[in-house]
N, C-alpha and C. Protein backbone atom coordinates (compact mmCIF):
# COMPACT_ATOMS: atom_id res chain seq x y z
N MET A 1 -185.65 61.52 44.24
CA MET A 1 -187.23 60.47 44.94
C MET A 1 -187.04 61.23 46.19
N SER A 2 -185.12 60.94 46.78
CA SER A 2 -185.50 61.17 48.36
C SER A 2 -185.71 62.48 48.44
N GLU A 3 -185.74 63.02 47.70
CA GLU A 3 -185.95 64.53 47.88
C GLU A 3 -187.37 64.47 47.92
N GLN A 4 -187.84 64.29 47.10
CA GLN A 4 -189.59 64.40 47.47
C GLN A 4 -190.33 63.79 48.38
N HIS A 5 -189.54 62.51 48.71
CA HIS A 5 -189.55 62.29 49.84
C HIS A 5 -189.10 63.27 51.42
N SER A 6 -188.76 64.15 51.34
CA SER A 6 -188.40 64.34 52.44
C SER A 6 -189.52 66.04 52.35
N THR A 7 -189.43 66.46 51.29
CA THR A 7 -190.23 67.61 50.83
C THR A 7 -191.62 67.24 51.43
N GLU A 8 -192.20 66.21 51.18
CA GLU A 8 -193.40 65.61 51.76
C GLU A 8 -193.76 65.75 53.49
N GLU A 9 -192.58 65.20 53.81
CA GLU A 9 -192.32 65.24 55.01
C GLU A 9 -192.60 66.68 56.07
N ALA A 10 -191.73 67.32 54.82
CA ALA A 10 -192.07 68.57 55.54
C ALA A 10 -193.24 69.52 55.55
N GLN A 11 -193.97 68.92 54.31
CA GLN A 11 -195.02 69.60 54.33
C GLN A 11 -196.26 69.48 54.86
N GLY A 12 -196.43 68.16 55.53
CA GLY A 12 -197.33 67.96 56.56
C GLY A 12 -198.42 66.85 55.69
N ILE A 13 -199.07 66.85 56.63
CA ILE A 13 -200.81 65.77 56.21
C ILE A 13 -201.45 67.35 55.59
N PHE A 14 -201.43 68.19 56.05
CA PHE A 14 -202.61 68.95 54.70
C PHE A 14 -201.80 69.78 53.20
N GLY A 15 -200.49 69.65 53.81
CA GLY A 15 -199.83 69.87 52.48
C GLY A 15 -199.84 68.70 51.41
N ARG A 16 -199.79 67.42 52.07
CA ARG A 16 -199.88 66.48 51.08
C ARG A 16 -200.86 66.17 50.76
N ILE A 17 -202.10 66.68 51.46
CA ILE A 17 -203.69 66.41 50.86
C ILE A 17 -203.65 67.48 49.45
N GLY A 18 -203.07 68.64 49.89
CA GLY A 18 -203.39 69.64 48.88
C GLY A 18 -202.69 69.58 47.49
N LEU A 19 -201.65 68.67 48.24
CA LEU A 19 -200.59 68.36 46.56
C LEU A 19 -201.40 67.24 45.83
N PHE A 20 -202.28 66.85 46.39
CA PHE A 20 -202.82 65.08 46.04
C PHE A 20 -204.02 66.02 45.34
N TYR A 21 -204.65 66.74 45.43
CA TYR A 21 -205.88 67.19 45.32
C TYR A 21 -205.57 68.51 43.82
N ARG A 22 -204.53 68.71 44.08
CA ARG A 22 -203.92 69.82 42.46
C ARG A 22 -203.28 68.38 41.48
N GLN A 23 -202.66 67.19 42.31
CA GLN A 23 -202.58 66.03 40.97
C GLN A 23 -203.71 65.90 40.92
N VAL A 24 -204.49 65.03 41.17
CA VAL A 24 -206.11 64.78 40.45
C VAL A 24 -206.49 66.03 39.47
N ILE A 25 -206.76 67.07 40.28
CA ILE A 25 -207.26 67.97 39.12
C ILE A 25 -206.43 67.97 37.87
N ASN A 26 -204.90 68.26 38.07
CA ASN A 26 -204.19 67.71 36.22
C ASN A 26 -204.60 66.92 35.95
N GLU A 27 -204.50 65.70 36.46
CA GLU A 27 -205.20 64.38 35.45
C GLU A 27 -206.59 64.52 35.18
N LEU A 28 -207.29 65.15 35.85
CA LEU A 28 -208.18 65.10 35.15
C LEU A 28 -208.87 66.69 34.25
N ARG A 29 -207.80 67.55 33.63
CA ARG A 29 -207.88 68.60 33.05
C ARG A 29 -206.82 67.13 31.68
N LYS A 30 -206.25 66.12 31.89
CA LYS A 30 -206.10 65.54 30.24
C LYS A 30 -207.07 64.45 29.95
N VAL A 31 -208.22 64.56 31.09
CA VAL A 31 -208.91 63.57 30.46
C VAL A 31 -209.63 64.01 29.32
N VAL A 32 -209.76 63.10 28.03
CA VAL A 32 -210.93 63.39 27.07
C VAL A 32 -212.13 62.94 27.31
N TRP A 33 -212.93 64.09 27.37
CA TRP A 33 -214.53 63.76 27.58
C TRP A 33 -215.78 63.63 26.42
N PRO A 34 -216.19 62.37 26.40
CA PRO A 34 -217.37 62.48 26.14
C PRO A 34 -218.45 63.41 25.60
N THR A 35 -218.39 63.64 24.26
CA THR A 35 -219.58 65.08 24.00
C THR A 35 -220.76 64.11 24.12
N ARG A 36 -221.85 64.83 24.57
CA ARG A 36 -223.53 64.42 24.29
C ARG A 36 -223.73 63.36 23.68
N ASN A 37 -223.35 63.95 22.32
CA ASN A 37 -224.15 62.35 21.78
C ASN A 37 -223.66 61.36 21.55
N GLN A 38 -221.97 61.19 21.79
CA GLN A 38 -221.16 60.22 21.92
C GLN A 38 -221.63 59.33 23.36
N LEU A 39 -221.99 59.98 24.53
CA LEU A 39 -222.17 59.72 25.73
C LEU A 39 -224.21 59.50 25.09
N THR A 40 -224.83 59.78 25.00
CA THR A 40 -226.24 58.80 24.53
C THR A 40 -225.83 57.41 23.73
N THR A 41 -225.01 57.77 22.83
CA THR A 41 -224.54 56.14 22.03
C THR A 41 -223.85 55.27 23.13
N TYR A 42 -223.30 55.58 24.03
CA TYR A 42 -222.33 54.78 24.68
C TYR A 42 -223.71 54.17 25.97
N THR A 43 -224.61 54.30 25.90
CA THR A 43 -225.18 54.77 27.65
C THR A 43 -226.80 53.80 26.39
N ALA A 44 -226.30 54.10 25.64
CA ALA A 44 -227.73 53.04 24.62
C ALA A 44 -227.20 51.60 24.06
N VAL A 45 -225.73 51.08 23.63
CA VAL A 45 -225.07 50.14 23.57
C VAL A 45 -224.68 49.40 25.36
N VAL A 46 -224.73 50.51 26.06
CA VAL A 46 -224.31 49.46 27.40
C VAL A 46 -225.81 48.87 27.71
N LEU A 47 -226.93 49.46 27.54
CA LEU A 47 -228.53 49.08 28.13
C LEU A 47 -229.01 48.26 27.50
N VAL A 48 -228.52 48.27 25.81
CA VAL A 48 -228.94 47.12 25.09
C VAL A 48 -228.31 45.77 25.77
N PHE A 49 -226.98 46.24 25.23
CA PHE A 49 -226.22 44.88 26.10
C PHE A 49 -226.13 44.09 27.35
N VAL A 50 -226.67 45.36 28.10
CA VAL A 50 -227.13 44.44 29.50
C VAL A 50 -228.28 43.81 29.53
N GLY A 51 -229.41 44.26 28.28
CA GLY A 51 -230.58 44.02 28.56
C GLY A 51 -230.51 42.54 27.25
N PHE A 52 -229.50 42.35 26.66
CA PHE A 52 -229.06 41.19 26.01
C PHE A 52 -228.50 40.29 26.76
N ILE A 53 -227.54 40.31 28.04
CA ILE A 53 -227.28 39.13 28.80
C ILE A 53 -228.18 39.13 30.05
N ILE A 54 -229.24 39.76 30.19
CA ILE A 54 -230.30 39.78 31.30
C ILE A 54 -231.43 38.27 30.25
N ALA A 55 -231.19 38.66 29.26
CA ALA A 55 -232.35 37.43 27.98
C ALA A 55 -231.84 36.05 28.37
N VAL A 56 -229.98 36.27 27.67
CA VAL A 56 -229.48 35.55 27.74
C VAL A 56 -229.80 34.18 28.71
N VAL A 57 -229.17 34.92 30.94
CA VAL A 57 -229.26 34.53 31.54
C VAL A 57 -230.35 33.98 31.98
N SER A 58 -231.92 34.54 31.66
CA SER A 58 -233.31 34.30 32.03
C SER A 58 -233.39 32.55 31.07
N VAL A 59 -233.05 32.74 30.09
CA VAL A 59 -233.89 31.60 29.38
C VAL A 59 -232.57 30.61 29.61
N PHE A 60 -231.71 30.75 30.02
CA PHE A 60 -230.43 29.78 30.41
C PHE A 60 -231.17 28.83 32.26
N ASP A 61 -231.74 29.91 32.68
CA ASP A 61 -232.34 29.71 34.27
C ASP A 61 -233.41 29.19 33.98
N LEU A 62 -234.44 29.47 33.04
CA LEU A 62 -235.78 28.72 33.11
C LEU A 62 -235.27 27.12 32.43
N VAL A 63 -234.70 27.01 31.51
CA VAL A 63 -234.16 25.38 30.84
C VAL A 63 -233.40 24.84 32.37
N LEU A 64 -232.78 25.41 32.76
CA LEU A 64 -232.31 24.74 34.19
C LEU A 64 -233.13 24.02 35.24
N ALA A 65 -234.08 25.06 35.56
CA ALA A 65 -235.49 25.05 36.07
C ALA A 65 -236.00 23.86 36.21
N LYS A 66 -236.17 24.21 33.99
CA LYS A 66 -237.19 22.74 33.54
C LYS A 66 -236.53 21.50 33.33
N ILE A 67 -235.21 21.37 33.79
CA ILE A 67 -234.29 20.19 33.76
C ILE A 67 -234.37 19.60 35.69
N VAL A 68 -234.14 20.79 36.10
CA VAL A 68 -234.36 20.28 37.42
C VAL A 68 -235.43 19.53 37.59
N PHE A 69 -236.66 20.31 37.38
CA PHE A 69 -238.09 19.80 37.93
C PHE A 69 -238.34 18.86 37.13
N TRP A 70 -237.88 18.34 36.11
CA TRP A 70 -238.18 17.25 35.25
C TRP A 70 -237.25 15.72 36.32
N ILE A 71 -235.97 16.17 36.04
CA ILE A 71 -235.26 15.21 37.16
C ILE A 71 -235.64 14.55 38.52
N PHE A 72 -236.63 15.35 39.29
CA PHE A 72 -236.68 14.89 40.70
C PHE A 72 -238.34 15.96 40.59
N GLY A 73 -238.69 15.66 40.08
CA GLY A 73 -240.73 15.72 39.55
C GLY A 73 -241.15 16.64 40.72
């Protein structure tokens, strides 16, 4: 660990930035990217779920608004 730290100090700021980007690219190569079909399916599932949650929250808000107007006139 101390060798790596002293190597980083010797590289300077631009060397460390280059090392960072090389490491990022190396990690991105390990990612298993979804196919177009999987991506379409995942997007549809998320949109349906978000629509469902919007409907539930809207109904809950409507019920609470009716209760508040009933109590406070």
